[in-house]
């Protein structure tokens, strides 16, 4: 899995037998600055997009292959024993409103390089069935984390933030709340020269600008009813710039962006997950101490924990989810939840490239 934050590929080795799914091994393959820059540039309209996209799909396939082979070598696992690679690819455009989404990867090259069957392109079938194509992880959250004794919410703080509502009984729901880390990372890179605000320290040095926060949270997306999903197409530094006066302190803007994530997530949980007793956090933002503490303070009466408490490290949940989705595809079983995506029904997701 490589997400909106463009930091690299997370790879997990997952085992699905008669017992509960088991995480066997993990690794992370970082993206170099040039690859991140080229991927970020492709997220917006530009010249010669077809050529650039094809080159990047090949480059990503090789990065994913490196991550896969490194993972298997570290675990002492034979590639021939692996049923499939579930490869999400890198999202560069997500426009369910126009009936398409693009996750870059040359899956055929990945299968050829590793000698392992690859399942990819998980989102297109859901969109073809009238859905948002996202988020897809709630079905996995329900399979792994649901508990009949506790109303839980799983909060993924990736580039975008999304929630999965797991009541003790009844339907599972979920949606994208809005920006998670993407604006925080982009603003930090522009003004501090670092890819992310480690631990939220820079945001903590500023103060929240109430007027700016009010302008940001007024965006219609936050008031829309689910199903809904979003990405860099809507929430980007251009979107932010249009709401700045221009004389703000960069640290204060960072503090306000963190407050935006807290406000939008808190609003989503209070309005759409009533009765929740615990929120379990995963994704890269789970390691942002300032962000997590602010969320905990905002969710009065709800326990906030990391998914580590459920046995899965916060940074590995999403990659684990796409391993599970690949298994669903190989078994011919649905991987989406219509209550989440808005699709006309449950669908088998993914295209299979046999080794």
Protein backbone atom coordinates (compact mmCIF):
# COMPACT_ATOMS: atom_id res chain seq x y z
CA UNK A 1 0.00 0.00 0.00
CA UNK A 2 1.20 3.50 -0.85
CA UNK A 3 -1.14 6.28 0.17
CA UNK A 4 -1.83 9.96 -0.35
CA UNK A 5 1.15 10.96 1.80
CA UNK A 6 3.56 9.59 -0.86
CA UNK A 7 6.12 8.52 1.74
CA UNK A 8 6.64 5.04 0.33
CA UNK A 9 5.22 1.52 0.10
CA UNK A 10 4.12 -0.43 3.15
CA UNK A 11 4.27 -4.19 2.64
CA UNK A 12 2.94 -6.91 4.91
CA UNK A 13 3.02 -10.68 4.77
CA UNK A 14 -0.40 -11.89 5.89
CA UNK A 15 -1.57 -15.41 6.62
CA UNK A 16 -5.20 -16.44 6.26
CA UNK A 17 -5.92 -19.91 7.57
CA UNK A 18 -8.70 -21.34 9.72
CA UNK A 19 -7.90 -19.00 12.61
CA UNK A 20 -7.89 -15.20 12.73
CA UNK A 21 -5.84 -13.41 10.02
CA UNK A 22 -2.22 -13.11 11.14
CA UNK A 23 0.40 -10.48 10.36
CA UNK A 24 3.64 -12.43 9.78
CA UNK A 25 6.12 -9.72 8.71
CA UNK A 26 6.27 -6.08 7.63
CA UNK A 27 8.58 -3.71 5.76
CA UNK A 28 8.59 -0.19 4.34
CA UNK A 29 10.12 0.83 1.01
CA UNK A 30 10.58 4.64 1.02
CA UNK A 31 10.01 6.71 -2.10
CA UNK A 32 12.88 8.98 -3.11
CA UNK A 33 12.29 12.71 -3.51
CA UNK A 34 12.22 12.53 -7.33
CA UNK A 35 9.53 9.85 -7.39
CA UNK A 36 7.43 11.74 -4.85
CA UNK A 37 7.77 14.94 -6.89
CA UNK A 38 6.75 13.23 -10.14
CA UNK A 39 3.74 11.55 -8.51
CA UNK A 40 2.62 14.78 -6.90
CA UNK A 41 2.92 16.61 -10.22
CA UNK A 42 0.71 14.00 -11.89
CA UNK A 43 -2.05 14.63 -9.36
CA UNK A 44 -2.79 17.85 -11.28
CA UNK A 45 -3.39 18.40 -15.03
CA UNK A 46 -0.20 18.86 -17.01
CA UNK A 47 1.58 18.11 -20.32
CA UNK A 48 2.22 14.61 -21.70
CA UNK A 49 0.29 12.91 -18.92
CA UNK A 50 -0.10 9.54 -20.65
CA UNK A 51 3.66 9.15 -21.10
CA UNK A 52 4.46 10.32 -17.58
CA UNK A 53 1.81 8.05 -16.07
CA UNK A 54 3.08 4.99 -17.96
CA UNK A 55 6.66 5.63 -16.83
CA UNK A 56 5.54 6.09 -13.23
CA UNK A 57 3.43 2.92 -13.33
CA UNK A 58 6.57 1.00 -14.30
CA UNK A 59 8.67 2.73 -11.64
CA UNK A 60 6.08 1.97 -8.97
CA UNK A 61 5.89 -1.68 -10.03
CA UNK A 62 9.63 -1.99 -9.44
CA UNK A 63 9.38 -0.27 -6.03
CA UNK A 64 6.57 -2.62 -5.03
CA UNK A 65 8.59 -5.58 -6.29
CA UNK A 66 11.58 -4.47 -4.20
CA UNK A 67 9.34 -4.16 -1.13
CA UNK A 68 7.80 -7.60 -1.76
CA UNK A 69 11.10 -9.41 -2.24
CA UNK A 70 12.69 -7.62 0.73
CA UNK A 71 9.71 -8.57 2.88
CA UNK A 72 9.85 -12.24 1.87
CA UNK A 73 13.63 -12.46 2.29
CA UNK A 74 13.40 -10.96 5.76
CA UNK A 75 10.70 -13.44 6.73
CA UNK A 76 12.51 -16.40 5.19
CA UNK A 77 9.44 -17.05 3.02
CA UNK A 78 9.45 -18.72 -0.41
CA UNK A 79 7.76 -16.52 -3.06
CA UNK A 80 6.18 -19.71 -4.46
CA UNK A 81 4.28 -20.10 -1.19
CA UNK A 82 2.55 -16.72 -1.63
CA UNK A 83 -0.96 -16.90 -3.09
CA UNK A 84 -0.97 -13.31 -4.34
CA UNK A 85 0.21 -9.75 -3.93
CA UNK A 86 -2.66 -7.38 -3.21
CA UNK A 87 -1.39 -4.13 -4.74
CA UNK A 88 -3.45 -0.97 -4.33
CA UNK A 89 -1.19 1.19 -6.52
CA UNK A 90 -0.75 4.93 -6.14
CA UNK A 91 -3.84 7.10 -6.44
CA UNK A 92 -3.20 10.10 -8.70
CA UNK A 93 -6.81 10.98 -9.58
CA UNK A 94 -10.00 10.09 -7.74
CA UNK A 95 -13.15 11.36 -9.47
CA UNK A 96 -16.08 9.08 -8.65
CA UNK A 97 -18.34 12.00 -9.59
CA UNK A 98 -17.09 11.49 -13.16
CA UNK A 99 -17.08 7.68 -12.93
CA UNK A 100 -13.35 7.01 -12.64
CA UNK A 101 -10.41 6.62 -10.31
CA UNK A 102 -6.73 6.06 -11.19
CA UNK A 103 -4.32 4.00 -9.09
CA UNK A 104 -1.01 3.76 -10.92
CA UNK A 105 0.91 0.49 -11.14
CA UNK A 106 1.95 -1.84 -13.94
CA UNK A 107 0.52 -4.95 -12.32
CA UNK A 108 1.67 -7.18 -15.18
CA UNK A 109 5.27 -6.02 -14.64
CA UNK A 110 4.95 -6.62 -10.90
CA UNK A 111 3.73 -10.18 -11.49
CA UNK A 112 6.49 -10.80 -14.03
CA UNK A 113 9.22 -9.41 -11.76
CA UNK A 114 8.20 -11.27 -8.61
CA UNK A 115 6.78 -14.45 -10.14
CA UNK A 116 3.71 -13.98 -7.91
CA UNK A 117 0.07 -13.50 -8.91
CA UNK A 118 -1.01 -9.87 -8.48
CA UNK A 119 -4.46 -8.51 -7.66
CA UNK A 120 -4.85 -4.77 -8.31
CA UNK A 121 -7.35 -2.09 -9.43
CA UNK A 122 -9.67 -2.67 -6.47
CA UNK A 123 -11.69 0.54 -6.72
CA UNK A 124 -12.95 0.57 -10.32
CA UNK A 125 -15.63 -2.10 -9.96
CA UNK A 126 -17.28 -0.35 -7.04
CA UNK A 127 -17.36 2.91 -9.02
CA UNK A 128 -18.80 1.08 -12.03
CA UNK A 129 -21.59 -0.09 -9.70
CA UNK A 130 -22.36 3.53 -8.78
CA UNK A 131 -20.18 3.70 -5.67
CA UNK A 132 -17.48 6.07 -4.50
CA UNK A 133 -14.78 3.40 -4.77
CA UNK A 134 -13.65 4.48 -1.30
CA UNK A 135 -13.14 3.87 1.46
CA UNK A 136 -12.67 0.12 0.93
CA UNK A 137 -11.00 -0.73 4.24
CA UNK A 138 -14.24 -0.76 6.34
CA UNK A 139 -15.03 -4.31 5.15
CA UNK A 140 -11.64 -5.43 6.47
CA UNK A 141 -12.08 -3.45 9.69
CA UNK A 142 -15.39 -5.26 10.20
CA UNK A 143 -13.80 -8.66 9.58
CA UNK A 144 -10.85 -8.06 11.92
CA UNK A 145 -11.87 -5.52 14.56
CA UNK A 146 -15.61 -5.82 15.14
CA UNK A 147 -16.65 -6.84 18.68
CA UNK A 148 -20.18 -7.69 19.81
CA UNK A 149 -19.35 -6.29 23.28
CA UNK A 150 -18.13 -2.84 22.25
CA UNK A 151 -19.25 -0.16 19.78
CA UNK A 152 -16.00 0.75 18.05
CA UNK A 153 -14.83 3.27 15.48
CA UNK A 154 -11.66 2.76 13.44
CA UNK A 155 -10.07 6.05 12.41
CA UNK A 156 -7.48 5.99 9.64
CA UNK A 157 -5.30 9.11 9.70
CA UNK A 158 -3.66 8.85 6.29
CA UNK A 159 -3.32 11.65 3.77
CA UNK A 160 -7.09 11.76 4.04
CA UNK A 161 -8.91 10.78 7.22
CA UNK A 162 -11.64 8.17 7.12
CA UNK A 163 -13.73 6.41 9.71
CA UNK A 164 -15.37 3.01 10.00
CA UNK A 165 -18.29 2.72 12.41
CA UNK A 166 -18.44 -0.77 13.94
CA UNK A 167 -21.52 -1.00 16.16
CA UNK A 168 -21.90 -4.14 18.26
CA UNK A 169 -24.75 -5.09 15.92
CA UNK A 170 -26.29 -3.62 12.78
CA UNK A 171 -24.78 -2.26 9.57
CA UNK A 172 -21.17 -1.12 9.24
CA UNK A 173 -20.76 2.37 7.81
CA UNK A 174 -17.86 4.66 6.99
CA UNK A 175 -16.62 7.54 4.85
CA UNK A 176 -13.81 10.03 4.27
CA UNK A 177 -14.00 12.84 6.84
CA UNK A 178 -11.65 15.18 4.94
CA UNK A 179 -7.92 15.91 5.10
CA UNK A 180 -5.82 13.94 7.54
CA UNK A 181 -2.11 14.54 6.97
CA UNK A 182 -1.98 15.83 3.40
CA UNK A 183 -2.31 19.55 4.13
CA UNK A 184 -0.13 19.28 7.25
CA UNK A 185 2.60 17.53 5.26
CA UNK A 186 2.39 19.88 2.29
CA UNK A 187 2.50 23.05 4.39
CA UNK A 188 5.41 21.68 6.45
CA UNK A 189 7.37 20.78 3.31
CA UNK A 190 6.82 24.26 1.86
CA UNK A 191 7.85 26.23 4.95
CA UNK A 192 10.17 23.95 6.95
CA UNK A 193 11.62 21.78 4.20
CA UNK A 194 10.65 18.53 5.91
CA UNK A 195 8.28 15.90 4.53
CA UNK A 196 6.16 15.94 7.69
CA UNK A 197 5.82 17.66 11.05
CA UNK A 198 7.39 15.04 13.31
CA UNK A 199 5.24 14.45 16.35
CA UNK A 200 3.27 17.61 15.55
CA UNK A 201 5.97 19.76 17.19
CA UNK A 202 5.76 22.61 14.66
CA UNK A 203 1.97 22.75 14.90
CA UNK A 204 2.29 22.89 18.68
CA UNK A 205 4.51 25.98 18.37
CA UNK A 206 1.72 27.96 16.68
CA UNK A 207 -1.75 29.06 17.73
CA UNK A 208 -5.06 28.20 16.10
CA UNK A 209 -6.46 31.02 13.95
CA UNK A 210 -10.19 30.90 14.65
CA UNK A 211 -11.14 32.92 11.58
CA UNK A 212 -9.12 30.71 9.26
CA UNK A 213 -10.46 27.54 10.87
CA UNK A 214 -14.00 28.83 10.35
CA UNK A 215 -13.29 29.47 6.66
CA UNK A 216 -11.74 26.02 6.20
CA UNK A 217 -14.49 24.06 7.95
CA UNK A 218 -17.12 25.96 5.94
CA UNK A 219 -16.18 23.95 2.83
CA UNK A 220 -19.34 22.16 1.63
CA UNK A 221 -17.63 18.76 1.74
CA UNK A 222 -17.73 18.66 5.53
CA UNK A 223 -21.48 19.12 5.58
CA UNK A 224 -22.26 16.54 2.90
CA UNK A 225 -23.96 13.35 3.99
CA UNK A 226 -22.19 10.06 3.25
CA UNK A 227 -21.45 8.11 1.16
CA UNK A 228 -18.57 10.37 0.25
CA UNK A 229 -14.86 10.23 -0.50
CA UNK A 230 -12.23 12.81 -1.29
CA UNK A 231 -8.57 13.35 -2.11
CA UNK A 232 -5.96 15.84 -3.30
CA UNK A 233 -8.33 16.89 -6.09
CA UNK A 234 -10.26 18.87 -3.47
CA UNK A 235 -7.99 19.35 -0.47
CA UNK A 236 -4.62 20.73 -1.58
CA UNK A 237 -2.41 23.75 -0.97
CA UNK A 238 -4.25 25.70 -3.65
CA UNK A 239 -7.49 25.13 -1.75
CA UNK A 240 -5.76 26.37 1.40
CA UNK A 241 -4.23 29.43 -0.33
CA UNK A 242 -7.67 30.57 -1.47
CA UNK A 243 -8.70 30.83 2.18
CA UNK A 244 -5.60 32.62 3.52
CA UNK A 245 -5.30 36.39 3.89
CA UNK A 246 -1.54 36.12 3.26
CA UNK A 247 -0.21 37.63 6.46
CA UNK A 248 -0.61 34.55 8.68
CA UNK A 249 2.34 33.04 10.52
CA UNK A 250 3.22 29.68 8.89
CA UNK A 251 3.31 28.00 12.33
CA UNK A 252 -0.16 29.35 13.11
CA UNK A 253 -1.47 27.98 9.81
CA UNK A 254 0.02 24.59 10.70
CA UNK A 255 -1.70 24.68 14.09
CA UNK A 256 -4.97 25.57 12.36
CA UNK A 257 -4.62 22.74 9.83
CA UNK A 258 -4.16 20.31 12.70
CA UNK A 259 -7.26 21.77 14.33
CA UNK A 260 -9.14 21.27 11.03
CA UNK A 261 -8.37 17.55 11.08
CA UNK A 262 -9.44 17.35 14.72
CA UNK A 263 -12.63 19.33 14.13
CA UNK A 264 -13.72 17.42 11.00
CA UNK A 265 -12.97 14.00 12.48
CA UNK A 266 -14.67 14.85 15.77
CA UNK A 267 -17.72 16.20 13.97
CA UNK A 268 -17.96 13.05 11.84
CA UNK A 269 -17.74 10.70 14.84
CA UNK A 270 -20.21 12.65 16.98
CA UNK A 271 -22.78 12.94 14.19
CA UNK A 272 -22.43 9.56 12.47
CA UNK A 273 -21.16 7.15 15.16
CA UNK A 274 -23.47 7.86 18.05
CA UNK A 275 -23.02 5.48 20.95
CA UNK A 276 -19.38 4.69 20.12
CA UNK A 277 -17.35 3.74 23.20
CA UNK A 278 -13.86 3.52 21.70
CA UNK A 279 -11.96 4.94 18.72
CA UNK A 280 -8.96 2.97 17.41
CA UNK A 281 -6.52 5.02 15.36
CA UNK A 282 -4.31 3.79 12.52
CA UNK A 283 -2.35 5.36 9.66
CA UNK A 284 0.71 7.60 9.68
CA UNK A 285 -1.07 10.30 11.71
CA UNK A 286 -1.36 7.86 14.61
CA UNK A 287 2.29 8.67 15.39
CA UNK A 288 1.60 12.43 15.55
CA UNK A 289 1.37 12.83 19.32
CA UNK A 290 0.00 16.37 19.25
CA UNK A 291 -2.75 15.38 16.80
CA UNK A 292 -3.74 12.25 18.73
CA UNK A 293 -3.86 14.09 22.06
CA UNK A 294 -6.00 16.85 20.54
CA UNK A 295 -8.38 14.23 19.15
CA UNK A 296 -8.59 12.50 22.52
CA UNK A 297 -9.48 15.78 24.20
CA UNK A 298 -12.16 16.54 21.62
CA UNK A 299 -13.92 13.16 21.90
CA UNK A 300 -15.41 13.57 25.34
CA UNK A 301 -16.58 10.30 26.84
CA UNK A 302 -14.93 8.13 24.16
CA UNK A 303 -11.70 6.20 24.71
CA UNK A 304 -9.02 6.84 22.08
CA UNK A 305 -6.49 4.08 21.46
CA UNK A 306 -4.17 2.95 18.67
CA UNK A 307 -4.92 -0.25 16.75
CA UNK A 308 -1.74 -1.56 18.36
CA UNK A 309 -4.05 -2.36 21.29
CA UNK A 310 -5.93 -4.76 18.97
CA UNK A 311 -2.71 -6.48 17.88
CA UNK A 312 -2.07 -4.64 14.59
CA UNK A 313 0.46 -1.79 14.45
CA UNK A 314 -1.17 1.45 13.33
CA UNK A 315 1.08 1.85 10.26
CA UNK A 316 0.29 -1.63 8.87
CA UNK A 317 -3.51 -1.78 8.96
CA UNK A 318 -4.14 -0.48 5.45
CA UNK A 319 -1.59 -2.76 3.75
CA UNK A 320 -3.10 -5.68 5.70
CA UNK A 321 -6.51 -4.61 4.37
CA UNK A 322 -5.38 -4.93 0.74
CA UNK A 323 -3.94 -8.37 1.42
CA UNK A 324 -7.40 -9.31 2.70
CA UNK A 325 -9.08 -7.72 -0.31
CA UNK A 326 -6.81 -9.73 -2.63
CA UNK A 327 -7.86 -12.89 -0.80
CA UNK A 328 -11.51 -11.93 -1.25
CA UNK A 329 -10.91 -11.47 -4.98
CA UNK A 330 -9.16 -14.84 -5.39
CA UNK A 331 -12.04 -16.53 -3.58
CA UNK A 332 -14.63 -14.74 -5.69
CA UNK A 333 -16.09 -13.03 -2.62
CA UNK A 334 -17.19 -9.38 -2.32
CA UNK A 335 -14.81 -6.78 -0.90
CA UNK A 336 -16.97 -3.65 -0.76
CA UNK A 337 -19.74 -2.52 1.57
CA UNK A 338 -22.57 -0.71 -0.27
CA UNK A 339 -23.54 1.02 3.00
CA UNK A 340 -20.09 2.66 2.89
CA UNK A 341 -19.44 3.36 -0.79
CA UNK A 342 -22.99 3.76 -2.09
CA UNK A 343 -22.58 1.03 -4.73
CA UNK A 344 -25.70 -0.75 -5.97
CA UNK A 345 -24.62 -3.94 -4.24
CA UNK A 346 -21.73 -6.05 -3.07
CA UNK A 347 -19.08 -6.71 -5.73
CA UNK A 348 -15.94 -8.80 -6.16
CA UNK A 349 -13.15 -6.27 -6.48
CA UNK A 350 -9.82 -6.33 -8.30
CA UNK A 351 -8.19 -7.45 -11.54
CA UNK A 352 -6.05 -10.61 -11.35
CA UNK A 353 -2.70 -10.99 -13.13
CA UNK A 354 -1.70 -14.64 -12.87
CA UNK A 355 1.96 -15.49 -12.35
